[in-house]
Every structure is written in structure tokens, then in C-alpha cells.
Amino acid sequence: VVLQKLQVLTGDKMDELGERQLANIVHAMGKVDAVVQKGIDEALVAKLQRRATKTAGEFTPHSIANLVHSFAKMGRRLDGYLLKAMVGRAIATSGDFVPQNVSNLVWALSKLGARPDAALLEALSAQSAATAGDFK
């Protein structure tokens, strides 16, 4: 019942959702058990991905990692446009990634079977080296 209400509310407000709301909604969807996840409307997932692609320029490193990680936890591939948008935004904001963001994003891309391009790997490697003392 809660999932159905979330889907209705999200669908009605889709054009108003910003990066944080999108990442949090997908994160919440990833937290529910597998039985409930099967009830998630595929059309809603597609709309969330389109909205995230459209607003990719607003995403912070935390929201990038959270969104991609949550889709990976659900076993749902990113469409090509969203993957390209998130990778591009990750490169652009890589200097602001904290170790947890790097770890979550790299794990998620691996889980999704995505092969990140050299520019992303270089950017995240440089940031990892710069923040190596912060890794736990």
C-alpha cells in the first residue's frame, strides 16, 4: 500500500523532483525487500530515470553515488542516457567526492556491468589518492 502511494505521489510530482528527491526515492525503493520490489511499476522507473537524466547537472557526488548504487542494489540497469549523464556529472564533480561516494559508485558500476570510461577512472583515481587518508 505504501509503495502504491509513493508511486502515485512520485508520478504526480515528477516534474518537480530535484536531484536529492530523486536519489532518495530510488534509495527507498532499493531498501524494500525483493517481493515488494517486484511491484514497482516499470513505467515509474523509466520516468525516474528520464527525470534524473534531465536534472543530471544538479547532482552532487553523494546523489550520483546514491542513485546509481540504489539502482544497482535493485538489479535495475540504467538506461544509456542516464548512465552517460551520471558518468559525465561524476567526472565534472570528482574533486568533491568523498571516499564513500567513490566506493559506492565504483561498486554500483561494477554490479551493473557498466564499463566506465578512462576519464571517469582517472578522475576517481586522482580523488581517491587525494583523500586516501580519509578511507575507512
C-alpha atoms as a PDB file:
ATOM      1  CA  VAL A   1       0.000   0.000   0.000  1.00  0.00           C
ATOM      2  CA  VAL A   2       2.786   2.441   0.923  1.00  0.00           C
ATOM      3  CA  LEU A   3       4.626   1.618  -2.290  1.00  0.00           C
ATOM      4  CA  GLN A   4       1.486   2.281  -4.338  1.00  0.00           C
ATOM      5  CA  LYS A   5       1.027   5.662  -2.662  1.00  0.00           C
ATOM      6  CA  LEU A   6       4.702   6.510  -3.256  1.00  0.00           C
ATOM      7  CA  GLN A   7       4.333   5.604  -6.912  1.00  0.00           C
ATOM      8  CA  VAL A   8       1.239   7.790  -7.305  1.00  0.00           C
ATOM      9  CA  LEU A   9       2.750  10.758  -5.460  1.00  0.00           C
ATOM     10  CA  THR A  10       6.038  10.460  -7.333  1.00  0.00           C
ATOM     11  CA  GLY A  11       4.284  10.199 -10.676  1.00  0.00           C
ATOM     12  CA  ASP A  12       2.163  13.274  -9.954  1.00  0.00           C
ATOM     13  CA  LYS A  13       5.160  15.369  -8.841  1.00  0.00           C
ATOM     14  CA  MET A  14       7.782  14.037 -11.262  1.00  0.00           C
ATOM     15  CA  ASP A  15       8.483  17.385 -12.935  1.00  0.00           C
ATOM     16  CA  GLU A  16       9.120  18.991  -9.542  1.00  0.00           C
ATOM     17  CA  LEU A  17      11.641  16.457  -8.267  1.00  0.00           C
ATOM     18  CA  GLY A  18      15.227  17.606  -7.821  1.00  0.00           C
ATOM     19  CA  GLU A  19      18.372  15.542  -7.565  1.00  0.00           C
ATOM     20  CA  ARG A  20      18.100  14.871  -3.856  1.00  0.00           C
ATOM     21  CA  GLN A  21      14.458  13.786  -4.030  1.00  0.00           C
ATOM     22  CA  LEU A  22      15.176  11.507  -6.991  1.00  0.00           C
ATOM     23  CA  ALA A  23      18.140   9.875  -5.276  1.00  0.00           C
ATOM     24  CA  ASN A  24      16.172   9.438  -2.044  1.00  0.00           C
ATOM     25  CA  ILE A  25      13.157   7.894  -3.792  1.00  0.00           C
ATOM     26  CA  VAL A  26      15.305   5.395  -5.662  1.00  0.00           C
ATOM     27  CA  HIS A  27      17.220   4.699  -2.443  1.00  0.00           C
ATOM     28  CA  ALA A  28      13.963   3.970  -0.619  1.00  0.00           C
ATOM     29  CA  MET A  29      12.843   1.689  -3.443  1.00  0.00           C
ATOM     30  CA  GLY A  30      16.123  -0.188  -3.131  1.00  0.00           C
ATOM     31  CA  LYS A  31      15.586  -0.710   0.596  1.00  0.00           C
ATOM     32  CA  VAL A  32      12.351  -2.667   0.282  1.00  0.00           C
ATOM     33  CA  ASP A  33      12.512  -6.428   0.060  1.00  0.00           C
ATOM     34  CA  ALA A  34      12.564  -8.309  -3.231  1.00  0.00           C
ATOM     35  CA  VAL A  35       8.878  -9.235  -3.084  1.00  0.00           C
ATOM     36  CA  VAL A  36       7.852  -5.590  -2.797  1.00  0.00           C
ATOM     37  CA  GLN A  37      10.370  -4.536  -5.453  1.00  0.00           C
ATOM     38  CA  LYS A  38       8.578  -6.756  -7.960  1.00  0.00           C
ATOM     39  CA  GLY A  39       5.563  -4.488  -7.512  1.00  0.00           C
ATOM     40  CA  ILE A  40       7.467  -1.383  -8.562  1.00  0.00           C
ATOM     41  CA  ASP A  41       5.968  -0.041 -11.754  1.00  0.00           C
ATOM     42  CA  GLU A  42       8.434  -0.203 -14.654  1.00  0.00           C
ATOM     43  CA  ALA A  43       6.916   2.953 -16.121  1.00  0.00           C
ATOM     44  CA  LEU A  44       7.756   4.765 -12.880  1.00  0.00           C
ATOM     45  CA  VAL A  45      11.346   3.515 -13.015  1.00  0.00           C
ATOM     46  CA  ALA A  46      11.613   4.774 -16.601  1.00  0.00           C
ATOM     47  CA  LYS A  47      10.177   8.176 -15.591  1.00  0.00           C
ATOM     48  CA  LEU A  48      12.606   8.440 -12.667  1.00  0.00           C
ATOM     49  CA  GLN A  49      15.499   7.661 -14.985  1.00  0.00           C
ATOM     50  CA  ARG A  50      14.356  10.253 -17.538  1.00  0.00           C
ATOM     51  CA  ARG A  51      13.940  12.887 -14.811  1.00  0.00           C
ATOM     52  CA  ALA A  52      17.370  12.077 -13.363  1.00  0.00           C
ATOM     53  CA  THR A  53      18.887  12.410 -16.837  1.00  0.00           C
ATOM     54  CA  LYS A  54      17.175  15.770 -17.324  1.00  0.00           C
ATOM     55  CA  THR A  55      18.411  17.095 -13.958  1.00  0.00           C
ATOM     56  CA  ALA A  56      21.862  15.446 -14.016  1.00  0.00           C
ATOM     57  CA  GLY A  57      23.582  18.840 -13.915  1.00  0.00           C
ATOM     58  CA  GLU A  58      22.212  19.396 -10.390  1.00  0.00           C
ATOM     59  CA  PHE A  59      23.523  16.126  -8.937  1.00  0.00           C
ATOM     60  CA  THR A  60      26.073  16.225  -6.136  1.00  0.00           C
ATOM     61  CA  PRO A  61      28.646  13.432  -5.731  1.00  0.00           C
ATOM     62  CA  HIS A  62      26.548  11.964  -2.901  1.00  0.00           C
ATOM     63  CA  SER A  63      23.389  11.955  -5.022  1.00  0.00           C
ATOM     64  CA  ILE A  64      25.204  10.458  -8.024  1.00  0.00           C
ATOM     65  CA  ALA A  65      26.607   7.626  -5.940  1.00  0.00           C
ATOM     66  CA  ASN A  66      23.317   7.120  -4.079  1.00  0.00           C
ATOM     67  CA  LEU A  67      21.204   6.971  -7.230  1.00  0.00           C
ATOM     68  CA  VAL A  68      23.478   4.632  -9.175  1.00  0.00           C
ATOM     69  CA  HIS A  69      24.096   2.457  -6.095  1.00  0.00           C
ATOM     70  CA  SER A  70      20.356   2.158  -5.411  1.00  0.00           C
ATOM     71  CA  PHE A  71      19.524   1.114  -8.961  1.00  0.00           C
ATOM     72  CA  ALA A  72      22.340  -1.450  -8.777  1.00  0.00           C
ATOM     73  CA  LYS A  73      21.013  -2.823  -5.476  1.00  0.00           C
ATOM     74  CA  MET A  74      17.643  -3.326  -7.133  1.00  0.00           C
ATOM     75  CA  GLY A  75      19.313  -5.035 -10.079  1.00  0.00           C
ATOM     76  CA  ARG A  76      17.943  -2.429 -12.482  1.00  0.00           C
ATOM     77  CA  ARG A  77      20.152  -1.212 -15.276  1.00  0.00           C
ATOM     78  CA  LEU A  78      20.471   2.462 -16.012  1.00  0.00           C
ATOM     79  CA  ASP A  79      19.364   3.422 -19.473  1.00  0.00           C
ATOM     80  CA  GLY A  80      22.193   4.615 -21.699  1.00  0.00           C
ATOM     81  CA  TYR A  81      21.268   8.282 -21.382  1.00  0.00           C
ATOM     82  CA  LEU A  82      21.227   8.215 -17.588  1.00  0.00           C
ATOM     83  CA  LEU A  83      24.476   6.267 -17.395  1.00  0.00           C
ATOM     84  CA  LYS A  84      26.189   8.770 -19.690  1.00  0.00           C
ATOM     85  CA  ALA A  85      24.748  11.710 -17.727  1.00  0.00           C
ATOM     86  CA  MET A  86      25.819  10.304 -14.340  1.00  0.00           C
ATOM     87  CA  VAL A  87      29.318   9.458 -15.578  1.00  0.00           C
ATOM     88  CA  GLY A  88      29.693  12.940 -17.069  1.00  0.00           C
ATOM     89  CA  ARG A  89      28.495  14.583 -13.873  1.00  0.00           C
ATOM     90  CA  ALA A  90      30.764  12.349 -11.775  1.00  0.00           C
ATOM     91  CA  ILE A  91      33.748  13.460 -13.839  1.00  0.00           C
ATOM     92  CA  ALA A  92      32.732  17.116 -13.505  1.00  0.00           C
ATOM     93  CA  THR A  93      32.327  16.870  -9.720  1.00  0.00           C
ATOM     94  CA  SER A  94      35.005  14.262  -8.967  1.00  0.00           C
ATOM     95  CA  GLY A  95      37.024  16.721  -6.878  1.00  0.00           C
ATOM     96  CA  ASP A  96      34.156  16.810  -4.375  1.00  0.00           C
ATOM     97  CA  PHE A  97      33.780  13.028  -3.990  1.00  0.00           C
ATOM     98  CA  VAL A  98      34.436  11.665  -0.517  1.00  0.00           C
ATOM     99  CA  PRO A  99      35.749   8.099  -0.176  1.00  0.00           C
ATOM    100  CA  GLN A 100      32.271   6.638   0.438  1.00  0.00           C
ATOM    101  CA  ASN A 101      30.962   8.212  -2.789  1.00  0.00           C
ATOM    102  CA  VAL A 102      33.880   6.761  -4.760  1.00  0.00           C
ATOM    103  CA  SER A 103      33.377   3.327  -3.238  1.00  0.00           C
ATOM    104  CA  ASN A 104      29.606   3.284  -3.781  1.00  0.00           C
ATOM    105  CA  LEU A 105      29.823   4.497  -7.366  1.00  0.00           C
ATOM    106  CA  VAL A 106      32.567   2.078  -8.391  1.00  0.00           C
ATOM    107  CA  TRP A 107      30.750  -0.846  -6.726  1.00  0.00           C
ATOM    108  CA  ALA A 108      27.486   0.104  -8.422  1.00  0.00           C
ATOM    109  CA  LEU A 109      29.023   0.435 -11.878  1.00  0.00           C
ATOM    110  CA  SER A 110      30.666  -2.949 -11.413  1.00  0.00           C
ATOM    111  CA  LYS A 111      27.411  -4.533 -10.206  1.00  0.00           C
ATOM    112  CA  LEU A 112      25.602  -3.099 -13.236  1.00  0.00           C
ATOM    113  CA  GLY A 113      28.252  -4.449 -15.593  1.00  0.00           C
ATOM    114  CA  ALA A 114      28.995  -0.926 -16.806  1.00  0.00           C
ATOM    115  CA  ARG A 115      32.475  -0.245 -18.103  1.00  0.00           C
ATOM    116  CA  PRO A 116      33.374   3.277 -17.031  1.00  0.00           C
ATOM    117  CA  ASP A 117      35.423   5.271 -19.465  1.00  0.00           C
ATOM    118  CA  ALA A 118      39.047   6.189 -18.834  1.00  0.00           C
ATOM    119  CA  ALA A 119      38.191   9.788 -17.899  1.00  0.00           C
ATOM    120  CA  LEU A 120      35.978   8.660 -15.014  1.00  0.00           C
ATOM    121  CA  LEU A 121      38.533   6.145 -13.780  1.00  0.00           C
ATOM    122  CA  GLU A 122      41.278   8.772 -13.915  1.00  0.00           C
ATOM    123  CA  ALA A 123      39.147  11.342 -12.079  1.00  0.00           C
ATOM    124  CA  LEU A 124      38.094   8.923  -9.345  1.00  0.00           C
ATOM    125  CA  SER A 125      41.620   7.536  -9.011  1.00  0.00           C
ATOM    126  CA  ALA A 126      43.008  11.042  -8.569  1.00  0.00           C
ATOM    127  CA  GLN A 127      40.364  11.856  -5.971  1.00  0.00           C
ATOM    128  CA  SER A 128      40.981   8.560  -4.187  1.00  0.00           C
ATOM    129  CA  ALA A 129      44.700   9.328  -3.996  1.00  0.00           C
ATOM    130  CA  ALA A 130      43.970  12.836  -2.711  1.00  0.00           C
ATOM    131  CA  THR A 131      41.644  11.526   0.007  1.00  0.00           C
ATOM    132  CA  ALA A 132      43.424   8.232   0.769  1.00  0.00           C
ATOM    133  CA  GLY A 133      43.835   9.178   4.421  1.00  0.00           C
ATOM    134  CA  ASP A 134      40.069   9.559   4.764  1.00  0.00           C
ATOM    135  CA  PHE A 135      39.206   5.997   3.675  1.00  0.00           C
ATOM    136  CA  LYS A 136      37.991   3.795   6.495  1.00  0.00           C
END
